[in-house]
Amino acid sequence: MLSVALVIGLSIGAAHLAGPRTPTDGPPAVSQAATYPTPGIEAADEPLGTPAPAPPGGGVHEFVALQDDGVTPVSYDPCRPIHYVVRPDNAPDGGSQVIRDAVARVSEVTGLQFVFDGPTDEASTGSRPLYQPDRYGDRWAPVLITWQTEAENAEFLSDTVGEAGSAAVTISGEPKVFVSGVVDLDAAAFAGFLAEPDGGAFARAVVLHELGHLVGLDHVADPDQLMYPETRNAVDFASGDLAGLARLGVGTCVPHL
């Protein structure tokens, strides 16, 4: 039996970054053969990468979802690559490089291996299927990153500049595993950031924050961390963020999914 839960984080404005929404129950469990990819697609026998060592002493960090033990974070399977696609519509100048740099940084600190599958014309929806064989083949749908307008996403009519979240799948007797997710970015807001002389670093920091949510980090009360809910001086992951990301990079491999 499989079940699905969706975890979403929101980034709001240049001053405030709102936290992940409460996970919601997914659709009723159905036959894996009918709704999910063939088990074990791209599953290796061991993790594909190694997280960067966490800073001595670690630091404050929180996770968006925990396993049933209430301690272990839900994470992506480190024995499989995380594929992602980007819908290029509305992309600001320099936006593609910001995404590449942020993804590379998250891969570096978690050890999780990301694979860019190229552009897509898929629209971001709140009920995005995790398995789309007609579009992506017999595998979990890749993480979808989009540049959205205010007309497409009413959240961007406010100070919101991004949304990110991942869907966790469980199979009886195995831990929950993130298998895909979505990152939506406010195209107009990022165009403004990137037009500023030092805006590239801030834009990258916002995407890092969103990717932190994507791989499983929640907000913290420490203003020195990048996952703090208000932007301060941090433009990269700090000690607590790095400690949490290192833990997210050593999740359980689940080849039966």
Protein backbone atom coordinates (compact mmCIF):
# COMPACT_ATOMS: atom_id res chain seq x y z
CA MET A 1 0.00 0.00 0.00
CA LEU A 2 1.28 3.44 -0.91
CA SER A 3 0.23 6.82 0.40
CA VAL A 4 1.24 10.35 -0.55
CA ALA A 5 1.66 13.58 1.41
CA LEU A 6 2.56 17.01 0.05
CA VAL A 7 4.74 19.50 1.92
CA ILE A 8 4.94 23.07 0.60
CA GLY A 9 6.99 26.07 1.73
CA LEU A 10 6.38 29.70 0.83
CA SER A 11 8.82 32.57 0.54
CA ILE A 12 7.31 35.98 1.10
CA GLY A 13 8.89 39.23 0.05
CA ALA A 14 12.33 40.64 0.64
CA ALA A 15 11.65 40.81 4.36
CA HIS A 16 9.52 37.79 5.25
CA LEU A 17 9.71 34.13 4.26
CA ALA A 18 6.63 32.14 5.27
CA GLY A 19 6.95 28.53 6.34
CA PRO A 20 5.81 25.23 4.92
CA ARG A 21 2.13 24.40 4.87
CA THR A 22 0.87 21.49 6.94
CA PRO A 23 1.14 18.22 5.02
CA THR A 24 -2.17 17.06 3.57
CA ASP A 25 -3.40 13.57 2.89
CA GLY A 26 -2.94 12.41 -0.66
CA PRO A 27 -5.27 10.33 -2.79
CA PRO A 28 -6.41 6.88 -1.66
CA ALA A 29 -3.82 4.17 -2.16
CA VAL A 30 -4.28 2.30 -5.42
CA SER A 31 -2.47 -0.34 -7.42
CA GLN A 32 1.18 0.59 -7.89
CA ALA A 33 1.12 -0.80 -11.40
CA ALA A 34 -1.67 1.58 -12.35
CA THR A 35 -0.48 4.78 -10.70
CA TYR A 36 3.23 4.58 -9.90
CA PRO A 37 6.37 3.84 -11.91
CA THR A 38 8.07 0.49 -12.01
CA PRO A 39 9.84 0.07 -8.65
CA GLY A 40 13.57 0.65 -8.49
CA ILE A 41 14.01 2.95 -11.48
CA GLU A 42 17.60 4.32 -11.30
CA ALA A 43 18.09 2.92 -7.79
CA ALA A 44 21.77 2.33 -7.00
CA ASP A 45 23.14 -0.02 -4.35
CA GLU A 46 24.57 2.85 -2.31
CA PRO A 47 24.22 6.64 -2.02
CA LEU A 48 25.35 8.53 -5.11
CA GLY A 49 27.10 11.26 -3.13
CA THR A 50 28.32 12.25 0.31
CA PRO A 51 27.14 15.33 2.24
CA ALA A 52 29.67 17.99 3.09
CA PRO A 53 30.73 17.65 6.75
CA ALA A 54 28.45 19.63 9.03
CA PRO A 55 30.15 22.53 10.84
CA PRO A 56 31.56 21.61 14.27
CA GLY A 57 28.83 22.11 16.84
CA GLY A 58 26.12 22.12 14.19
CA GLY A 59 23.40 24.69 14.68
CA VAL A 60 19.67 25.27 14.79
CA HIS A 61 17.64 23.54 12.09
CA GLU A 62 14.15 22.13 11.65
CA PHE A 63 12.59 19.69 9.21
CA VAL A 64 9.31 20.00 7.32
CA ALA A 65 8.33 16.37 7.95
CA LEU A 66 9.45 13.51 10.18
CA GLN A 67 9.22 9.76 10.00
CA ASP A 68 6.90 7.90 12.35
CA ASP A 69 9.64 7.86 15.01
CA GLY A 70 9.20 11.63 15.36
CA VAL A 71 12.95 12.20 15.03
CA THR A 72 14.24 11.14 11.62
CA PRO A 73 13.55 13.64 8.82
CA VAL A 74 11.75 12.71 5.63
CA SER A 75 14.18 13.12 2.75
CA TYR A 76 14.89 12.19 -0.84
CA ASP A 77 16.38 8.76 -1.56
CA PRO A 78 20.17 9.33 -1.74
CA CYS A 79 20.59 6.25 -3.96
CA ARG A 80 18.72 7.92 -6.85
CA PRO A 81 19.29 11.15 -8.74
CA ILE A 82 16.79 13.96 -8.33
CA HIS A 83 15.76 14.91 -11.84
CA TYR A 84 14.47 18.42 -12.45
CA VAL A 85 13.06 20.39 -15.33
CA VAL A 86 12.57 24.13 -15.78
CA ARG A 87 9.69 25.81 -17.54
CA PRO A 88 11.53 28.74 -19.18
CA ASP A 89 8.47 30.91 -19.84
CA ASN A 90 8.84 34.36 -18.22
CA ALA A 91 12.41 33.66 -17.08
CA PRO A 92 14.27 36.89 -16.19
CA ASP A 93 17.72 37.60 -17.60
CA GLY A 94 20.18 35.68 -15.46
CA GLY A 95 17.50 33.51 -13.92
CA SER A 96 18.71 30.26 -15.42
CA GLN A 97 22.18 30.77 -13.97
CA VAL A 98 20.73 31.52 -10.54
CA ILE A 99 18.87 28.20 -10.60
CA ARG A 100 21.94 26.27 -11.75
CA ASP A 101 24.14 27.83 -9.08
CA ALA A 102 21.60 27.20 -6.31
CA VAL A 103 21.00 23.59 -7.33
CA ALA A 104 24.76 22.96 -7.46
CA ARG A 105 25.15 24.40 -3.96
CA VAL A 106 22.38 22.22 -2.51
CA SER A 107 23.91 19.16 -4.19
CA GLU A 108 27.31 20.04 -2.75
CA VAL A 109 26.12 20.29 0.84
CA THR A 110 23.63 17.39 0.83
CA GLY A 111 25.44 14.96 -1.46
CA LEU A 112 22.14 14.50 -3.32
CA GLN A 113 22.73 14.30 -7.05
CA PHE A 114 20.57 16.52 -9.25
CA VAL A 115 20.14 15.94 -12.98
CA PHE A 116 18.81 18.69 -15.26
CA ASP A 117 16.52 17.17 -17.87
CA GLY A 118 16.06 20.41 -19.80
CA PRO A 119 13.07 22.67 -20.45
CA THR A 120 9.44 21.67 -20.16
CA ASP A 121 6.10 23.20 -21.07
CA GLU A 122 4.39 21.66 -18.02
CA ALA A 123 2.34 24.13 -16.00
CA SER A 124 2.57 24.14 -12.22
CA THR A 125 -0.65 23.07 -10.51
CA GLY A 126 -1.65 22.36 -6.95
CA SER A 127 -2.60 18.80 -7.86
CA ARG A 128 0.41 17.88 -9.97
CA PRO A 129 0.60 14.11 -10.63
CA LEU A 130 3.73 12.43 -9.31
CA TYR A 131 3.71 9.97 -12.19
CA GLN A 132 3.32 11.29 -15.75
CA PRO A 133 4.46 8.49 -18.07
CA ASP A 134 3.19 10.18 -21.23
CA ARG A 135 5.36 13.23 -20.53
CA TYR A 136 8.35 11.90 -18.60
CA GLY A 137 8.36 8.13 -19.08
CA ASP A 138 8.31 5.31 -16.55
CA ARG A 139 9.72 7.16 -13.53
CA TRP A 140 8.64 9.65 -10.91
CA ALA A 141 7.96 13.04 -12.45
CA PRO A 142 11.00 15.32 -12.10
CA VAL A 143 11.02 18.33 -9.80
CA LEU A 144 9.36 21.17 -11.70
CA ILE A 145 10.77 24.71 -11.47
CA THR A 146 8.74 27.51 -13.02
CA TRP A 147 8.91 31.28 -13.43
CA GLN A 148 5.36 32.46 -12.87
CA THR A 149 3.44 35.69 -13.41
CA GLU A 150 0.92 37.23 -11.05
CA ALA A 151 -1.81 36.16 -13.45
CA GLU A 152 -0.72 32.54 -13.08
CA ASN A 153 -0.20 32.60 -9.32
CA ALA A 154 -2.34 34.86 -7.15
CA GLU A 155 0.14 34.45 -4.29
CA PHE A 156 2.51 36.68 -6.25
CA LEU A 157 0.03 39.56 -6.08
CA SER A 158 1.22 39.98 -2.48
CA ASP A 159 4.81 40.00 -1.23
CA THR A 160 5.25 36.31 -2.01
CA VAL A 161 8.19 35.64 -4.32
CA GLY A 162 8.36 31.85 -4.30
CA GLU A 163 6.81 28.55 -3.31
CA ALA A 164 8.47 25.18 -2.89
CA GLY A 165 7.53 21.75 -1.64
CA SER A 166 7.97 18.04 -2.14
CA ALA A 167 5.63 15.06 -2.10
CA ALA A 168 6.45 12.10 0.15
CA VAL A 169 5.43 8.57 -0.77
CA THR A 170 5.27 5.64 1.62
CA ILE A 171 5.08 1.92 1.05
CA SER A 172 4.08 -0.42 3.84
CA GLY A 173 7.03 -1.19 6.11
CA GLU A 174 9.33 1.42 4.55
CA PRO A 175 10.11 5.04 5.52
CA LYS A 176 8.51 8.02 3.81
CA VAL A 177 10.53 9.28 0.84
CA PHE A 178 10.27 12.48 -1.17
CA VAL A 179 9.96 11.54 -4.84
CA SER A 180 9.21 14.84 -6.60
CA GLY A 181 8.40 18.47 -5.96
CA VAL A 182 7.72 21.92 -7.31
CA VAL A 183 9.49 25.28 -7.05
CA ASP A 184 7.53 28.31 -8.30
CA LEU A 185 9.34 31.65 -8.55
CA ASP A 186 7.90 35.14 -9.09
CA ALA A 187 9.32 36.16 -12.46
CA ALA A 188 8.77 39.91 -12.01
CA ALA A 189 10.27 39.98 -8.51
CA PHE A 190 13.39 38.13 -9.63
CA ALA A 191 13.74 40.44 -12.64
CA GLY A 192 13.86 43.28 -10.13
CA PHE A 193 16.42 41.53 -7.92
CA LEU A 194 18.68 40.73 -10.86
CA ALA A 195 18.54 44.29 -12.17
CA GLU A 196 20.29 45.52 -9.01
CA PRO A 197 24.12 45.65 -8.89
CA ASP A 198 24.34 43.05 -6.11
CA GLY A 199 20.98 41.45 -6.75
CA GLY A 200 22.37 38.16 -8.01
CA ALA A 201 23.49 37.09 -4.54
CA PHE A 202 20.10 37.92 -3.05
CA ALA A 203 18.24 36.12 -5.86
CA ARG A 204 20.42 33.05 -5.33
CA ALA A 205 19.77 33.20 -1.58
CA VAL A 206 16.01 33.16 -2.15
CA VAL A 207 16.30 30.14 -4.44
CA LEU A 208 18.56 28.42 -1.91
CA HIS A 209 15.92 29.03 0.74
CA GLU A 210 13.25 27.50 -1.50
CA LEU A 211 15.44 24.52 -2.37
CA GLY A 212 16.03 24.09 1.35
CA HIS A 213 12.28 23.63 1.72
CA LEU A 214 12.23 21.33 -1.31
CA VAL A 215 14.72 18.88 0.20
CA GLY A 216 13.15 19.05 3.66
CA LEU A 217 14.22 22.06 5.76
CA ASP A 218 11.71 24.11 7.73
CA HIS A 219 12.11 27.61 9.18
CA VAL A 220 14.07 28.34 12.35
CA ALA A 221 14.05 31.11 14.95
CA ASP A 222 17.77 31.87 14.56
CA PRO A 223 18.17 35.07 12.47
CA ASP A 224 21.68 34.03 11.41
CA GLN A 225 20.39 31.08 9.39
CA LEU A 226 19.23 31.28 5.78
CA MET A 227 16.09 29.37 6.80
CA TYR A 228 15.07 32.16 9.18
CA PRO A 229 11.63 33.48 8.12
CA GLU A 230 12.88 37.02 7.51
CA THR A 231 15.72 37.91 5.20
CA ARG A 232 18.69 39.42 6.99
CA ASN A 233 22.33 39.33 5.92
CA ALA A 234 22.60 35.63 5.06
CA VAL A 235 23.14 34.95 1.36
CA ASP A 236 24.25 31.34 1.83
CA PHE A 237 23.48 28.45 4.17
CA ALA A 238 24.78 29.00 7.70
CA SER A 239 25.89 26.45 10.30
CA GLY A 240 22.44 25.27 11.34
CA ASP A 241 21.19 25.08 7.77
CA LEU A 242 24.25 23.03 6.82
CA ALA A 243 23.79 20.66 9.76
CA GLY A 244 20.19 20.01 8.71
CA LEU A 245 21.08 19.60 5.05
CA ALA A 246 23.79 17.08 5.95
CA ARG A 247 21.18 14.97 7.74
CA LEU A 248 18.83 15.23 4.77
CA GLY A 249 21.57 13.86 2.56
CA VAL A 250 21.84 10.56 4.42
CA GLY A 251 18.26 9.33 4.21
CA THR A 252 17.30 5.70 3.70
CA CYS A 253 17.51 4.16 0.25
CA VAL A 254 14.15 2.65 -0.71
CA PRO A 255 14.59 0.65 -3.94
CA HIS A 256 11.05 -0.76 -3.75
CA LEU A 257 9.57 2.60 -4.80
